[in-house]
Amino acid sequence: MVYPASWRTLPVSVFALTDRGQTFVAAAESLVLLVVTIALLAGLDRLRGRSAER
C-alpha cells in the first residue's frame, strides 16, 4: 500500500484498525468500501451495456 503521509485511505485505515484490535469498526469501514465498489461496478456495467446496444 503506497500512499502519501498526509493521506489516510480506507484500506490503510482498515489495516490500522485491525492492527489495534478494533475489528468491528474495521468491518464497518470494509462494508462501506465493498458497497462503494459494487455500486461503481454496477454503474460501469450499465454504461457498458448501453454502449453495446448502439
N, C-alpha and C. Protein backbone atom coordinates (compact mmCIF):
# COMPACT_ATOMS: atom_id res chain seq x y z
N MET A 1 0.85 -1.17 0.00
CA MET A 1 0.00 0.00 0.00
C MET A 1 0.90 1.24 0.00
N VAL A 2 0.87 1.96 -1.09
CA VAL A 2 1.69 3.15 -1.21
C VAL A 2 0.76 4.36 -1.20
N TYR A 3 1.06 5.30 -0.32
CA TYR A 3 0.24 6.50 -0.20
C TYR A 3 1.07 7.61 0.44
N PRO A 4 0.73 8.87 0.15
CA PRO A 4 1.44 9.97 0.81
C PRO A 4 1.14 9.99 2.31
N ALA A 5 2.06 10.51 3.08
CA ALA A 5 1.90 10.53 4.54
C ALA A 5 0.70 11.36 4.99
N SER A 6 0.30 12.34 4.21
CA SER A 6 -0.82 13.19 4.61
C SER A 6 -2.18 12.56 4.31
N TRP A 7 -2.23 11.49 3.54
CA TRP A 7 -3.49 10.83 3.19
C TRP A 7 -3.75 9.66 4.12
N ARG A 8 -5.00 9.36 4.32
CA ARG A 8 -5.38 8.15 5.07
C ARG A 8 -6.46 7.46 4.26
N THR A 9 -6.07 6.53 3.44
CA THR A 9 -7.02 5.84 2.58
C THR A 9 -7.81 4.82 3.40
N LEU A 10 -8.94 4.40 2.86
CA LEU A 10 -9.79 3.46 3.57
C LEU A 10 -9.12 2.11 3.81
N PRO A 11 -8.43 1.53 2.83
CA PRO A 11 -7.73 0.26 3.12
C PRO A 11 -6.66 0.40 4.21
N VAL A 12 -5.96 1.51 4.23
CA VAL A 12 -4.94 1.73 5.26
C VAL A 12 -5.61 1.89 6.62
N SER A 13 -6.74 2.58 6.64
CA SER A 13 -7.48 2.74 7.88
C SER A 13 -7.98 1.40 8.41
N VAL A 14 -8.49 0.55 7.52
CA VAL A 14 -8.95 -0.78 7.93
C VAL A 14 -7.79 -1.58 8.50
N PHE A 15 -6.64 -1.53 7.85
CA PHE A 15 -5.47 -2.24 8.35
C PHE A 15 -5.06 -1.74 9.73
N ALA A 16 -5.03 -0.43 9.91
CA ALA A 16 -4.64 0.14 11.20
C ALA A 16 -5.64 -0.24 12.30
N LEU A 17 -6.92 -0.23 11.97
CA LEU A 17 -7.93 -0.58 12.96
C LEU A 17 -7.82 -2.04 13.37
N THR A 18 -7.62 -2.93 12.41
CA THR A 18 -7.49 -4.35 12.76
C THR A 18 -6.20 -4.60 13.54
N ASP A 19 -5.18 -3.83 13.26
CA ASP A 19 -3.92 -3.96 13.98
C ASP A 19 -4.09 -3.56 15.45
N ARG A 20 -4.98 -2.59 15.69
CA ARG A 20 -5.24 -2.14 17.07
C ARG A 20 -6.33 -2.96 17.75
N GLY A 21 -6.89 -3.92 17.05
CA GLY A 21 -7.90 -4.78 17.65
C GLY A 21 -9.32 -4.26 17.55
N GLN A 22 -9.55 -3.21 16.78
CA GLN A 22 -10.89 -2.65 16.61
C GLN A 22 -11.55 -3.27 15.38
N THR A 23 -11.87 -4.54 15.50
CA THR A 23 -12.35 -5.29 14.34
C THR A 23 -13.76 -4.87 13.90
N PHE A 24 -14.61 -4.46 14.81
CA PHE A 24 -15.97 -4.07 14.43
C PHE A 24 -15.97 -2.78 13.62
N VAL A 25 -15.16 -1.82 14.01
CA VAL A 25 -15.05 -0.57 13.23
C VAL A 25 -14.40 -0.86 11.88
N ALA A 26 -13.40 -1.73 11.87
CA ALA A 26 -12.76 -2.10 10.61
C ALA A 26 -13.74 -2.82 9.69
N ALA A 27 -14.61 -3.66 10.27
CA ALA A 27 -15.61 -4.35 9.46
C ALA A 27 -16.61 -3.36 8.87
N ALA A 28 -16.98 -2.34 9.62
CA ALA A 28 -17.90 -1.32 9.11
C ALA A 28 -17.26 -0.55 7.96
N GLU A 29 -15.99 -0.20 8.10
CA GLU A 29 -15.30 0.51 7.02
C GLU A 29 -15.14 -0.39 5.80
N SER A 30 -14.90 -1.66 6.03
CA SER A 30 -14.79 -2.61 4.91
C SER A 30 -16.11 -2.73 4.18
N LEU A 31 -17.20 -2.70 4.92
CA LEU A 31 -18.52 -2.78 4.30
C LEU A 31 -18.78 -1.54 3.44
N VAL A 32 -18.38 -0.38 3.91
CA VAL A 32 -18.51 0.85 3.11
C VAL A 32 -17.71 0.72 1.83
N LEU A 33 -16.49 0.24 1.94
CA LEU A 33 -15.64 0.06 0.76
C LEU A 33 -16.25 -0.93 -0.21
N LEU A 34 -16.82 -2.01 0.30
CA LEU A 34 -17.46 -3.02 -0.54
C LEU A 34 -18.68 -2.45 -1.27
N VAL A 35 -19.53 -1.71 -0.56
CA VAL A 35 -20.73 -1.14 -1.16
C VAL A 35 -20.37 -0.13 -2.25
N VAL A 36 -19.39 0.71 -1.99
CA VAL A 36 -18.97 1.70 -3.00
C VAL A 36 -18.41 1.00 -4.23
N THR A 37 -17.61 -0.04 -4.03
CA THR A 37 -17.04 -0.77 -5.15
C THR A 37 -18.12 -1.45 -5.99
N ILE A 38 -19.07 -2.09 -5.33
CA ILE A 38 -20.15 -2.75 -6.06
C ILE A 38 -21.00 -1.73 -6.82
N ALA A 39 -21.27 -0.60 -6.20
CA ALA A 39 -22.07 0.44 -6.87
C ALA A 39 -21.34 0.96 -8.11
N LEU A 40 -20.03 1.20 -7.98
CA LEU A 40 -19.27 1.68 -9.14
C LEU A 40 -19.22 0.63 -10.26
N LEU A 41 -19.04 -0.62 -9.89
CA LEU A 41 -19.00 -1.67 -10.91
C LEU A 41 -20.36 -1.84 -11.59
N ALA A 42 -21.43 -1.74 -10.81
CA ALA A 42 -22.77 -1.83 -11.40
C ALA A 42 -23.03 -0.66 -12.35
N GLY A 43 -22.58 0.54 -11.95
CA GLY A 43 -22.74 1.70 -12.83
C GLY A 43 -21.94 1.56 -14.11
N LEU A 44 -20.73 1.07 -14.01
CA LEU A 44 -19.93 0.85 -15.21
C LEU A 44 -20.53 -0.22 -16.10
N ASP A 45 -21.10 -1.25 -15.49
CA ASP A 45 -21.74 -2.30 -16.26
C ASP A 45 -22.95 -1.76 -17.03
N ARG A 46 -23.71 -0.90 -16.38
CA ARG A 46 -24.87 -0.30 -17.07
C ARG A 46 -24.42 0.58 -18.23
N LEU A 47 -23.36 1.36 -18.00
CA LEU A 47 -22.84 2.20 -19.09
C LEU A 47 -22.33 1.35 -20.24
N ARG A 48 -21.65 0.27 -19.92
CA ARG A 48 -21.13 -0.62 -20.94
C ARG A 48 -22.26 -1.29 -21.72
N GLY A 49 -23.32 -1.64 -21.02
CA GLY A 49 -24.46 -2.26 -21.66
C GLY A 49 -25.16 -1.32 -22.62
N ARG A 50 -25.23 -0.07 -22.26
CA ARG A 50 -25.86 0.92 -23.13
C ARG A 50 -25.04 1.17 -24.38
N SER A 51 -23.72 1.20 -24.25
CA SER A 51 -22.88 1.46 -25.41
C SER A 51 -22.85 0.23 -26.34
N ALA A 52 -23.05 -0.96 -25.81
CA ALA A 52 -23.05 -2.17 -26.63
C ALA A 52 -24.33 -2.27 -27.46
N GLU A 53 -25.40 -1.63 -27.00
CA GLU A 53 -26.68 -1.68 -27.74
C GLU A 53 -26.61 -0.85 -29.01
N ARG A 54 -25.75 0.12 -29.08
CA ARG A 54 -25.69 1.02 -30.24
C ARG A 54 -25.01 0.41 -31.39
